[in-house]
Amino acid sequence: MKEELRLKIDSKGRLSIPSDIRDEVGDEVILKRTPEGFLLIPAKQHNFLEEFRRIISSEPQRTGKPENWEPKKMKSVWLGD
């Protein structure tokens, strides 16, 4: 494959990337401005299950001191009173 590829932007402002390159970079790319111009970088793919497990197993970020509400106040929150 060539090191450089000249691409055209259509009348709607879209850049068409050939399928063999799309297969390599995936569904998302990052467009980065550099002193030499712009650079397309494959975006990291997110694995939903790994991210979910990481969040569930991490310690919660707490701020402040927990309050012990009386049952009447809790009920008003549940019922929207």
N, C-alpha and C. Protein backbone atom coordinates (compact mmCIF):
# COMPACT_ATOMS: atom_id res chain seq x y z
N MET A 1 0.84 -1.19 0.00
CA MET A 1 0.00 0.00 0.00
C MET A 1 0.88 1.25 0.00
N LYS A 2 0.39 2.29 -0.61
CA LYS A 2 1.12 3.55 -0.69
C LYS A 2 1.20 4.22 0.68
N GLU A 3 2.26 4.99 0.88
CA GLU A 3 2.40 5.75 2.12
C GLU A 3 1.46 6.95 2.14
N GLU A 4 1.15 7.48 0.97
CA GLU A 4 0.24 8.61 0.86
C GLU A 4 -0.89 8.25 -0.07
N LEU A 5 -2.04 8.83 0.18
CA LEU A 5 -3.20 8.58 -0.66
C LEU A 5 -3.96 9.89 -0.78
N ARG A 6 -4.23 10.31 -1.99
CA ARG A 6 -4.97 11.55 -2.22
C ARG A 6 -6.46 11.22 -2.26
N LEU A 7 -7.22 11.87 -1.38
CA LEU A 7 -8.66 11.63 -1.29
C LEU A 7 -9.41 12.90 -1.64
N LYS A 8 -10.62 12.76 -2.13
CA LYS A 8 -11.45 13.91 -2.49
C LYS A 8 -12.56 14.08 -1.46
N ILE A 9 -12.94 15.32 -1.25
CA ILE A 9 -14.07 15.66 -0.38
C ILE A 9 -15.25 15.96 -1.29
N ASP A 10 -16.40 15.34 -1.03
CA ASP A 10 -17.55 15.53 -1.91
C ASP A 10 -18.26 16.85 -1.61
N SER A 11 -19.31 17.14 -2.37
CA SER A 11 -20.02 18.42 -2.25
C SER A 11 -20.69 18.61 -0.90
N LYS A 12 -20.88 17.51 -0.14
CA LYS A 12 -21.48 17.61 1.20
C LYS A 12 -20.42 17.66 2.29
N GLY A 13 -19.15 17.75 1.91
CA GLY A 13 -18.07 17.86 2.89
C GLY A 13 -17.60 16.54 3.46
N ARG A 14 -17.95 15.44 2.81
CA ARG A 14 -17.58 14.12 3.30
C ARG A 14 -16.30 13.64 2.63
N LEU A 15 -15.49 12.95 3.40
CA LEU A 15 -14.25 12.37 2.92
C LEU A 15 -14.49 10.88 2.75
N SER A 16 -14.24 10.36 1.58
CA SER A 16 -14.46 8.94 1.33
C SER A 16 -13.14 8.19 1.50
N ILE A 17 -13.14 7.23 2.43
CA ILE A 17 -11.94 6.44 2.71
C ILE A 17 -12.14 5.06 2.08
N PRO A 18 -11.17 4.61 1.27
CA PRO A 18 -11.30 3.31 0.62
C PRO A 18 -11.53 2.17 1.62
N SER A 19 -12.26 1.15 1.19
CA SER A 19 -12.67 0.08 2.09
C SER A 19 -11.49 -0.67 2.71
N ASP A 20 -10.40 -0.87 1.97
CA ASP A 20 -9.27 -1.60 2.57
C ASP A 20 -8.65 -0.82 3.72
N ILE A 21 -8.68 0.49 3.65
CA ILE A 21 -8.16 1.32 4.75
C ILE A 21 -9.16 1.33 5.90
N ARG A 22 -10.47 1.41 5.58
CA ARG A 22 -11.50 1.38 6.63
C ARG A 22 -11.42 0.08 7.41
N ASP A 23 -11.13 -1.02 6.73
CA ASP A 23 -11.00 -2.31 7.42
C ASP A 23 -9.87 -2.27 8.44
N GLU A 24 -8.80 -1.54 8.13
CA GLU A 24 -7.66 -1.45 9.05
C GLU A 24 -7.93 -0.52 10.22
N VAL A 25 -8.57 0.63 9.97
CA VAL A 25 -8.73 1.62 11.03
C VAL A 25 -9.97 1.42 11.87
N GLY A 26 -10.97 0.70 11.37
CA GLY A 26 -12.18 0.48 12.14
C GLY A 26 -13.25 1.52 11.85
N ASP A 27 -14.24 1.59 12.74
CA ASP A 27 -15.40 2.46 12.52
C ASP A 27 -15.18 3.91 12.96
N GLU A 28 -14.18 4.15 13.81
CA GLU A 28 -13.95 5.50 14.31
C GLU A 28 -12.49 5.87 14.15
N VAL A 29 -12.25 7.13 13.80
CA VAL A 29 -10.89 7.66 13.73
C VAL A 29 -10.83 8.99 14.46
N ILE A 30 -9.63 9.36 14.84
CA ILE A 30 -9.39 10.66 15.46
C ILE A 30 -8.69 11.51 14.42
N LEU A 31 -9.18 12.71 14.20
CA LEU A 31 -8.55 13.66 13.29
C LEU A 31 -7.71 14.60 14.15
N LYS A 32 -6.39 14.53 13.98
CA LYS A 32 -5.49 15.30 14.83
C LYS A 32 -4.74 16.34 14.00
N ARG A 33 -4.75 17.58 14.50
CA ARG A 33 -4.01 18.65 13.83
C ARG A 33 -2.55 18.58 14.27
N THR A 34 -1.64 18.59 13.33
CA THR A 34 -0.21 18.58 13.62
C THR A 34 0.42 19.77 12.92
N PRO A 35 1.66 20.12 13.24
CA PRO A 35 2.32 21.23 12.53
C PRO A 35 2.44 20.97 11.02
N GLU A 36 2.48 19.70 10.63
CA GLU A 36 2.60 19.37 9.20
C GLU A 36 1.26 19.31 8.49
N GLY A 37 0.15 19.26 9.24
CA GLY A 37 -1.17 19.14 8.64
C GLY A 37 -2.08 18.33 9.55
N PHE A 38 -2.90 17.49 8.95
CA PHE A 38 -3.84 16.67 9.72
C PHE A 38 -3.45 15.21 9.64
N LEU A 39 -3.76 14.48 10.70
CA LEU A 39 -3.41 13.08 10.80
C LEU A 39 -4.64 12.30 11.23
N LEU A 40 -4.95 11.20 10.55
CA LEU A 40 -6.04 10.32 10.94
C LEU A 40 -5.46 9.18 11.76
N ILE A 41 -5.99 8.97 12.96
CA ILE A 41 -5.50 7.92 13.86
C ILE A 41 -6.68 7.02 14.22
N PRO A 42 -6.49 5.69 14.15
CA PRO A 42 -7.59 4.80 14.57
C PRO A 42 -7.95 5.07 16.03
N ALA A 43 -9.26 5.20 16.31
CA ALA A 43 -9.71 5.40 17.68
C ALA A 43 -9.69 4.06 18.40
N LYS A 44 -9.43 4.09 19.69
CA LYS A 44 -9.44 2.87 20.48
C LYS A 44 -10.87 2.36 20.56
N GLN A 45 -11.04 1.08 20.32
CA GLN A 45 -12.36 0.47 20.42
C GLN A 45 -12.67 0.21 21.89
N HIS A 46 -13.88 0.54 22.30
CA HIS A 46 -14.29 0.34 23.69
C HIS A 46 -15.01 -0.99 23.82
N ASN A 47 -14.57 -1.77 24.76
CA ASN A 47 -15.24 -3.02 25.07
C ASN A 47 -16.20 -2.75 26.22
N PHE A 48 -17.50 -2.77 25.92
CA PHE A 48 -18.51 -2.41 26.91
C PHE A 48 -18.41 -3.26 28.17
N LEU A 49 -18.26 -4.57 28.01
CA LEU A 49 -18.24 -5.45 29.19
C LEU A 49 -17.01 -5.19 30.07
N GLU A 50 -15.85 -4.96 29.45
CA GLU A 50 -14.66 -4.65 30.25
C GLU A 50 -14.83 -3.35 31.00
N GLU A 51 -15.37 -2.34 30.33
CA GLU A 51 -15.60 -1.04 30.97
C GLU A 51 -16.60 -1.18 32.11
N PHE A 52 -17.67 -1.94 31.90
CA PHE A 52 -18.69 -2.16 32.93
C PHE A 52 -18.08 -2.86 34.14
N ARG A 53 -17.29 -3.91 33.91
CA ARG A 53 -16.64 -4.63 35.02
C ARG A 53 -15.70 -3.72 35.80
N ARG A 54 -14.96 -2.86 35.08
CA ARG A 54 -14.03 -1.95 35.73
C ARG A 54 -14.79 -0.97 36.64
N ILE A 55 -15.89 -0.44 36.15
CA ILE A 55 -16.66 0.52 36.93
C ILE A 55 -17.31 -0.15 38.14
N ILE A 56 -17.90 -1.31 37.93
CA ILE A 56 -18.58 -2.02 39.03
C ILE A 56 -17.60 -2.44 40.12
N SER A 57 -16.40 -2.84 39.75
CA SER A 57 -15.45 -3.33 40.75
C SER A 57 -14.63 -2.23 41.40
N SER A 58 -14.72 -0.99 40.90
CA SER A 58 -13.95 0.10 41.50
C SER A 58 -14.67 0.67 42.73
N GLU A 59 -13.89 1.30 43.58
CA GLU A 59 -14.46 1.94 44.77
C GLU A 59 -15.26 3.17 44.34
N PRO A 60 -16.42 3.40 44.94
CA PRO A 60 -17.22 4.58 44.57
C PRO A 60 -16.51 5.86 45.02
N GLN A 61 -16.69 6.90 44.22
CA GLN A 61 -16.14 8.20 44.58
C GLN A 61 -17.17 8.93 45.43
N ARG A 62 -16.87 9.03 46.69
CA ARG A 62 -17.81 9.66 47.61
C ARG A 62 -17.32 11.05 47.98
N THR A 63 -18.27 11.94 48.14
CA THR A 63 -17.95 13.29 48.60
C THR A 63 -18.85 13.59 49.79
N GLY A 64 -18.29 14.19 50.77
CA GLY A 64 -19.09 14.54 51.94
C GLY A 64 -19.36 13.36 52.84
N LYS A 65 -20.17 13.62 53.84
CA LYS A 65 -20.52 12.61 54.83
C LYS A 65 -21.96 12.15 54.59
N PRO A 66 -22.21 10.82 54.60
CA PRO A 66 -23.58 10.35 54.37
C PRO A 66 -24.53 10.83 55.47
N GLU A 67 -25.76 11.11 55.07
CA GLU A 67 -26.78 11.52 56.03
C GLU A 67 -27.69 10.32 56.33
N ASN A 68 -28.14 10.23 57.56
CA ASN A 68 -29.12 9.20 57.93
C ASN A 68 -30.48 9.87 58.01
N TRP A 69 -31.24 9.75 56.93
CA TRP A 69 -32.55 10.38 56.89
C TRP A 69 -33.57 9.58 57.68
N GLU A 70 -34.53 10.29 58.21
CA GLU A 70 -35.63 9.64 58.90
C GLU A 70 -36.58 9.03 57.85
N PRO A 71 -37.33 8.01 58.22
CA PRO A 71 -38.22 7.33 57.26
C PRO A 71 -39.18 8.28 56.54
N LYS A 72 -39.68 9.29 57.22
CA LYS A 72 -40.62 10.23 56.61
C LYS A 72 -39.97 10.97 55.43
N LYS A 73 -38.72 11.38 55.61
CA LYS A 73 -38.01 12.09 54.54
C LYS A 73 -37.73 11.15 53.36
N MET A 74 -37.35 9.91 53.64
CA MET A 74 -37.11 8.93 52.59
C MET A 74 -38.39 8.68 51.78
N LYS A 75 -39.50 8.55 52.48
CA LYS A 75 -40.78 8.32 51.81
C LYS A 75 -41.14 9.47 50.91
N SER A 76 -40.85 10.70 51.34
CA SER A 76 -41.17 11.87 50.52
C SER A 76 -40.33 11.88 49.23
N VAL A 77 -39.12 11.37 49.30
CA VAL A 77 -38.27 11.27 48.10
C VAL A 77 -38.85 10.25 47.15
N TRP A 78 -39.27 9.09 47.67
CA TRP A 78 -39.81 8.02 46.84
C TRP A 78 -41.12 8.42 46.17
N LEU A 79 -41.97 9.09 46.94
CA LEU A 79 -43.31 9.44 46.42
C LEU A 79 -43.36 10.80 45.74
N GLY A 80 -42.29 11.56 45.85
CA GLY A 80 -42.26 12.86 45.21
C GLY A 80 -43.10 13.91 45.91
N ASP A 81 -43.28 13.77 47.21
CA ASP A 81 -44.09 14.74 47.98
C ASP A 81 -43.30 16.01 48.22
